[in-house]
């Protein structure tokens, strides 16, 4: 691995981290900035959200829904086993697992499948596929 590849991998890990920290804080502007302008967020029950505006709108409603279901707004994403494949100097794929904790403890868990693009030296998410593999019976995030 050369220095350029190591830097790209670390920048991609940073985007994954910034996305989750922003989501946990409810900072939708920082979260959507992790995507390219026409990025796609593919959620299993919602379908594809195309573009920053669609992502912002949908996740804003999720934040409000969660706030109405909790005594204390606690949301913590933990991401692990990040596997990054560089497809070229401006394209990469990543796969990782996540656990989400809320006030009840472990709330739900699953995996991310990401496609990244590097534009003007900045890596961003071009497409994120989110799949939930399981949830606690009293999940705050996935309750209908």
Foldseek 3Di string as FASTA:
>chain_A
DDPLVVVVVVLVVVLVVQLQVCLQVVVLVSNLVLEDQQAWEQEPVPGIQTGSVSVSVVSNVLQVQLVVQDPDSGKHKDKDPWDKDDPDSFKIWIKIKIFIQGPVGTFWIWMWIFIWGADPNHIHTRYIYTDTPDGDPPHSRPDD
